[in-house]
């Protein structure tokens, strides 16, 4: 999760919402995918950290099925990312900060609990939750301060 937090910081420095994700093969301890939020930079609304990490892992492993891997992400996945996680067959999802507004695992639509969800990973929340949440709070505090400084 600390590597995902580093990626979240890099996203913040790029002006993106600070979310980072890492995919690990727990049997070997090897990181097979990394991602940080990038919708603004990439001009791609799907460039969430989880999607970028899934694409990286699939390319690394030369397989669109990412079974038995663990996705570590700093923020509870949204519905789009939960759908992609399910399609990739990720074995376990671990996140830091809960997202009551946009999350879709234990909040909102609870994607993996839906009868139409064909693959349900194991989930765990709250891992390094406070540093993950503080990274987000600091980012948005700074953005609000910048807008206030320019009269918005």
C-alpha atoms as a PDB file:
ATOM      1  CA  UNK A   1       0.000   0.000   0.000  1.00  0.00           C
ATOM      2  CA  UNK A   2       2.917   2.344   0.614  1.00  0.00           C
ATOM      3  CA  UNK A   3       3.867   2.034  -3.060  1.00  0.00           C
ATOM      4  CA  UNK A   4       0.273   2.947  -4.009  1.00  0.00           C
ATOM      5  CA  UNK A   5       0.513   5.996  -1.707  1.00  0.00           C
ATOM      6  CA  UNK A   6       3.701   7.057  -3.520  1.00  0.00           C
ATOM      7  CA  UNK A   7       1.850   6.783  -6.842  1.00  0.00           C
ATOM      8  CA  UNK A   8      -1.009   8.845  -5.387  1.00  0.00           C
ATOM      9  CA  UNK A   9       1.496  11.574  -4.481  1.00  0.00           C
ATOM     10  CA  UNK A  10       2.867  11.501  -8.027  1.00  0.00           C
ATOM     11  CA  UNK A  11      -0.675  11.891  -9.364  1.00  0.00           C
ATOM     12  CA  UNK A  12      -1.218  14.907  -7.089  1.00  0.00           C
ATOM     13  CA  UNK A  13       2.004  16.498  -8.321  1.00  0.00           C
ATOM     14  CA  UNK A  14       0.701  16.068 -11.872  1.00  0.00           C
ATOM     15  CA  UNK A  15      -2.534  17.849 -10.920  1.00  0.00           C
ATOM     16  CA  UNK A  16      -4.603  14.656 -10.836  1.00  0.00           C
ATOM     17  CA  UNK A  17      -6.766  13.452  -7.957  1.00  0.00           C
ATOM     18  CA  UNK A  18      -4.255  11.538  -5.803  1.00  0.00           C
ATOM     19  CA  UNK A  19      -5.131   7.886  -6.190  1.00  0.00           C
ATOM     20  CA  UNK A  20      -2.532   5.191  -6.718  1.00  0.00           C
ATOM     21  CA  UNK A  21      -2.811   1.456  -7.352  1.00  0.00           C
ATOM     22  CA  UNK A  22      -0.451  -1.509  -7.372  1.00  0.00           C
ATOM     23  CA  UNK A  23      -1.128  -5.114  -8.402  1.00  0.00           C
ATOM     24  CA  UNK A  24       0.912  -7.784  -6.662  1.00  0.00           C
ATOM     25  CA  UNK A  25       1.368 -11.487  -7.207  1.00  0.00           C
ATOM     26  CA  UNK A  26       1.305 -12.510  -3.546  1.00  0.00           C
ATOM     27  CA  UNK A  27       2.880 -15.917  -4.270  1.00  0.00           C
ATOM     28  CA  UNK A  28       6.082 -14.270  -5.476  1.00  0.00           C
ATOM     29  CA  UNK A  29       5.757 -10.822  -3.908  1.00  0.00           C
ATOM     30  CA  UNK A  30       6.332  -9.320  -7.350  1.00  0.00           C
ATOM     31  CA  UNK A  31       4.595  -6.113  -8.426  1.00  0.00           C
ATOM     32  CA  UNK A  32       3.089  -6.790 -11.849  1.00  0.00           C
ATOM     33  CA  UNK A  33       1.113  -3.585 -12.368  1.00  0.00           C
ATOM     34  CA  UNK A  34       1.189   0.055 -11.291  1.00  0.00           C
ATOM     35  CA  UNK A  35      -1.116   2.966 -11.907  1.00  0.00           C
ATOM     36  CA  UNK A  36      -1.943   6.463 -10.813  1.00  0.00           C
ATOM     37  CA  UNK A  37      -4.908   8.622 -11.673  1.00  0.00           C
ATOM     38  CA  UNK A  38      -4.475  10.241 -15.059  1.00  0.00           C
ATOM     39  CA  UNK A  39      -7.793  11.227 -16.693  1.00  0.00           C
ATOM     40  CA  UNK A  40      -6.785  14.880 -17.096  1.00  0.00           C
ATOM     41  CA  UNK A  41      -3.278  14.220 -18.417  1.00  0.00           C
ATOM     42  CA  UNK A  42      -4.324  11.344 -20.683  1.00  0.00           C
ATOM     43  CA  UNK A  43      -7.554  13.010 -21.835  1.00  0.00           C
ATOM     44  CA  UNK A  44      -9.152   9.703 -20.903  1.00  0.00           C
ATOM     45  CA  UNK A  45     -12.090   9.449 -18.484  1.00  0.00           C
ATOM     46  CA  UNK A  46     -11.224   5.786 -17.879  1.00  0.00           C
ATOM     47  CA  UNK A  47      -7.647   6.484 -16.744  1.00  0.00           C
ATOM     48  CA  UNK A  48      -8.343   5.824 -13.072  1.00  0.00           C
ATOM     49  CA  UNK A  49      -5.441   4.374 -11.089  1.00  0.00           C
ATOM     50  CA  UNK A  50      -7.024   0.922 -10.955  1.00  0.00           C
ATOM     51  CA  UNK A  51      -7.654   0.787 -14.719  1.00  0.00           C
ATOM     52  CA  UNK A  52      -4.095   1.926 -15.466  1.00  0.00           C
ATOM     53  CA  UNK A  53      -2.733  -0.728 -13.072  1.00  0.00           C
ATOM     54  CA  UNK A  54      -4.952  -3.426 -14.619  1.00  0.00           C
ATOM     55  CA  UNK A  55      -3.722  -2.526 -18.102  1.00  0.00           C
ATOM     56  CA  UNK A  56      -0.100  -2.575 -16.899  1.00  0.00           C
ATOM     57  CA  UNK A  57      -0.505  -5.963 -15.203  1.00  0.00           C
ATOM     58  CA  UNK A  58      -2.260  -7.471 -18.224  1.00  0.00           C
ATOM     59  CA  UNK A  59       0.548  -6.270 -20.491  1.00  0.00           C
ATOM     60  CA  UNK A  60       3.209  -7.527 -18.075  1.00  0.00           C
ATOM     61  CA  UNK A  61       1.626 -10.962 -17.789  1.00  0.00           C
ATOM     62  CA  UNK A  62       0.370 -11.081 -21.383  1.00  0.00           C
ATOM     63  CA  UNK A  63      -3.035 -12.144 -20.082  1.00  0.00           C
ATOM     64  CA  UNK A  64      -6.324 -10.335 -19.650  1.00  0.00           C
ATOM     65  CA  UNK A  65      -7.218 -12.607 -16.720  1.00  0.00           C
ATOM     66  CA  UNK A  66      -5.462 -11.491 -13.552  1.00  0.00           C
ATOM     67  CA  UNK A  67      -6.662 -14.289 -11.303  1.00  0.00           C
ATOM     68  CA  UNK A  68      -5.107 -14.748  -7.852  1.00  0.00           C
ATOM     69  CA  UNK A  69      -3.531 -11.277  -7.846  1.00  0.00           C
ATOM     70  CA  UNK A  70      -4.073  -8.558  -5.247  1.00  0.00           C
ATOM     71  CA  UNK A  71      -4.930  -4.982  -6.160  1.00  0.00           C
ATOM     72  CA  UNK A  72      -3.883  -2.386  -3.584  1.00  0.00           C
ATOM     73  CA  UNK A  73      -5.492   1.022  -4.125  1.00  0.00           C
ATOM     74  CA  UNK A  74      -5.544   4.114  -1.962  1.00  0.00           C
ATOM     75  CA  UNK A  75      -9.289   4.796  -2.394  1.00  0.00           C
ATOM     76  CA  UNK A  76     -12.337   2.528  -2.522  1.00  0.00           C
ATOM     77  CA  UNK A  77     -12.956   1.682  -6.202  1.00  0.00           C
ATOM     78  CA  UNK A  78     -15.789   3.342  -8.126  1.00  0.00           C
ATOM     79  CA  UNK A  79     -18.362   1.393 -10.154  1.00  0.00           C
ATOM     80  CA  UNK A  80     -16.310   1.567 -13.373  1.00  0.00           C
ATOM     81  CA  UNK A  81     -13.201   0.246 -11.649  1.00  0.00           C
ATOM     82  CA  UNK A  82     -15.144  -2.426  -9.756  1.00  0.00           C
ATOM     83  CA  UNK A  83     -16.515  -3.645 -13.095  1.00  0.00           C
ATOM     84  CA  UNK A  84     -13.032  -3.802 -14.597  1.00  0.00           C
ATOM     85  CA  UNK A  85     -11.705  -5.585 -11.493  1.00  0.00           C
ATOM     86  CA  UNK A  86     -14.461  -8.177 -11.849  1.00  0.00           C
ATOM     87  CA  UNK A  87     -13.808  -8.679 -15.565  1.00  0.00           C
ATOM     88  CA  UNK A  88     -10.079  -9.099 -14.902  1.00  0.00           C
ATOM     89  CA  UNK A  89     -10.829 -11.713 -12.211  1.00  0.00           C
ATOM     90  CA  UNK A  90      -8.631 -10.009  -9.603  1.00  0.00           C
ATOM     91  CA  UNK A  91      -8.513 -12.265  -6.553  1.00  0.00           C
ATOM     92  CA  UNK A  92      -8.366  -9.642  -3.816  1.00  0.00           C
ATOM     93  CA  UNK A  93      -8.881  -5.880  -3.544  1.00  0.00           C
ATOM     94  CA  UNK A  94      -7.382  -3.925  -0.657  1.00  0.00           C
ATOM     95  CA  UNK A  95      -7.978  -0.193  -0.269  1.00  0.00           C
ATOM     96  CA  UNK A  96      -7.073   2.586   2.101  1.00  0.00           C
ATOM     97  CA  UNK A  97      -9.691   5.315   2.346  1.00  0.00           C
ATOM     98  CA  UNK A  98     -13.391   4.598   2.049  1.00  0.00           C
ATOM     99  CA  UNK A  99     -15.308   6.707  -0.466  1.00  0.00           C
ATOM    100  CA  UNK A 100     -18.901   7.216   0.732  1.00  0.00           C
ATOM    101  CA  UNK A 101     -19.695   9.451  -2.242  1.00  0.00           C
ATOM    102  CA  UNK A 102     -18.097   7.637  -5.195  1.00  0.00           C
ATOM    103  CA  UNK A 103     -17.141   4.208  -3.898  1.00  0.00           C
ATOM    104  CA  UNK A 104     -18.975   1.149  -5.171  1.00  0.00           C
ATOM    105  CA  UNK A 105     -17.665  -1.715  -3.067  1.00  0.00           C
ATOM    106  CA  UNK A 106     -19.020  -1.050   0.433  1.00  0.00           C
ATOM    107  CA  UNK A 107     -20.811   2.173  -0.528  1.00  0.00           C
ATOM    108  CA  UNK A 108     -23.182   3.149  -3.324  1.00  0.00           C
ATOM    109  CA  UNK A 109     -24.142   0.304  -5.606  1.00  0.00           C
ATOM    110  CA  UNK A 110     -22.028  -2.306  -3.784  1.00  0.00           C
ATOM    111  CA  UNK A 111     -20.976  -3.718  -7.145  1.00  0.00           C
ATOM    112  CA  UNK A 112     -19.583  -7.055  -5.992  1.00  0.00           C
ATOM    113  CA  UNK A 113     -22.814  -7.841  -4.089  1.00  0.00           C
ATOM    114  CA  UNK A 114     -24.976  -7.570  -7.210  1.00  0.00           C
ATOM    115  CA  UNK A 115     -26.380 -10.790  -8.697  1.00  0.00           C
ATOM    116  CA  UNK A 116     -25.154  -9.661 -12.136  1.00  0.00           C
ATOM    117  CA  UNK A 117     -21.538  -9.568 -10.934  1.00  0.00           C
ATOM    118  CA  UNK A 118     -19.868 -12.712 -12.285  1.00  0.00           C
ATOM    119  CA  UNK A 119     -16.621 -12.496 -10.290  1.00  0.00           C
ATOM    120  CA  UNK A 120     -16.338 -11.372  -6.688  1.00  0.00           C
ATOM    121  CA  UNK A 121     -12.885 -10.723  -5.273  1.00  0.00           C
ATOM    122  CA  UNK A 122     -12.116 -10.843  -1.586  1.00  0.00           C
ATOM    123  CA  UNK A 123     -12.064  -7.297  -0.218  1.00  0.00           C
ATOM    124  CA  UNK A 124     -10.375  -5.489   2.647  1.00  0.00           C
ATOM    125  CA  UNK A 125     -10.691  -1.840   3.568  1.00  0.00           C
ATOM    126  CA  UNK A 126      -8.873   0.539   5.869  1.00  0.00           C
ATOM    127  CA  UNK A 127      -5.252  -0.385   5.136  1.00  0.00           C
ATOM    128  CA  UNK A 128      -3.253   2.833   5.708  1.00  0.00           C
ATOM    129  CA  UNK A 129      -6.608   4.608   5.558  1.00  0.00           C
ATOM    130  CA  UNK A 130      -5.491   7.753   7.362  1.00  0.00           C
ATOM    131  CA  UNK A 131      -2.471   8.545   5.137  1.00  0.00           C
ATOM    132  CA  UNK A 132      -4.604   7.799   2.052  1.00  0.00           C
ATOM    133  CA  UNK A 133      -7.416  10.052   3.270  1.00  0.00           C
ATOM    134  CA  UNK A 134      -5.021  12.825   4.298  1.00  0.00           C
ATOM    135  CA  UNK A 135      -3.410  12.787   0.840  1.00  0.00           C
ATOM    136  CA  UNK A 136      -6.846  13.402  -0.677  1.00  0.00           C
ATOM    137  CA  UNK A 137      -7.797  16.055   1.906  1.00  0.00           C
ATOM    138  CA  UNK A 138      -4.529  17.948   1.389  1.00  0.00           C
ATOM    139  CA  UNK A 139      -4.967  17.870  -2.384  1.00  0.00           C
ATOM    140  CA  UNK A 140      -8.478  19.299  -2.259  1.00  0.00           C
ATOM    141  CA  UNK A 141      -7.560  21.837   0.455  1.00  0.00           C
ATOM    142  CA  UNK A 142      -4.795  23.126  -1.802  1.00  0.00           C
ATOM    143  CA  UNK A 143      -7.135  23.279  -4.799  1.00  0.00           C
ATOM    144  CA  UNK A 144      -9.754  25.205  -2.834  1.00  0.00           C
ATOM    145  CA  UNK A 145      -7.053  27.576  -1.604  1.00  0.00           C
ATOM    146  CA  UNK A 146      -5.803  28.152  -5.151  1.00  0.00           C
ATOM    147  CA  UNK A 147      -9.299  28.947  -6.423  1.00  0.00           C
ATOM    148  CA  UNK A 148      -9.926  31.272  -3.475  1.00  0.00           C
ATOM    149  CA  UNK A 149      -6.634  33.053  -4.154  1.00  0.00           C
ATOM    150  CA  UNK A 150      -7.617  33.817  -7.757  1.00  0.00           C
ATOM    151  CA  UNK A 151     -11.102  34.982  -6.834  1.00  0.00           C
ATOM    152  CA  UNK A 152     -13.168  31.945  -7.785  1.00  0.00           C
END
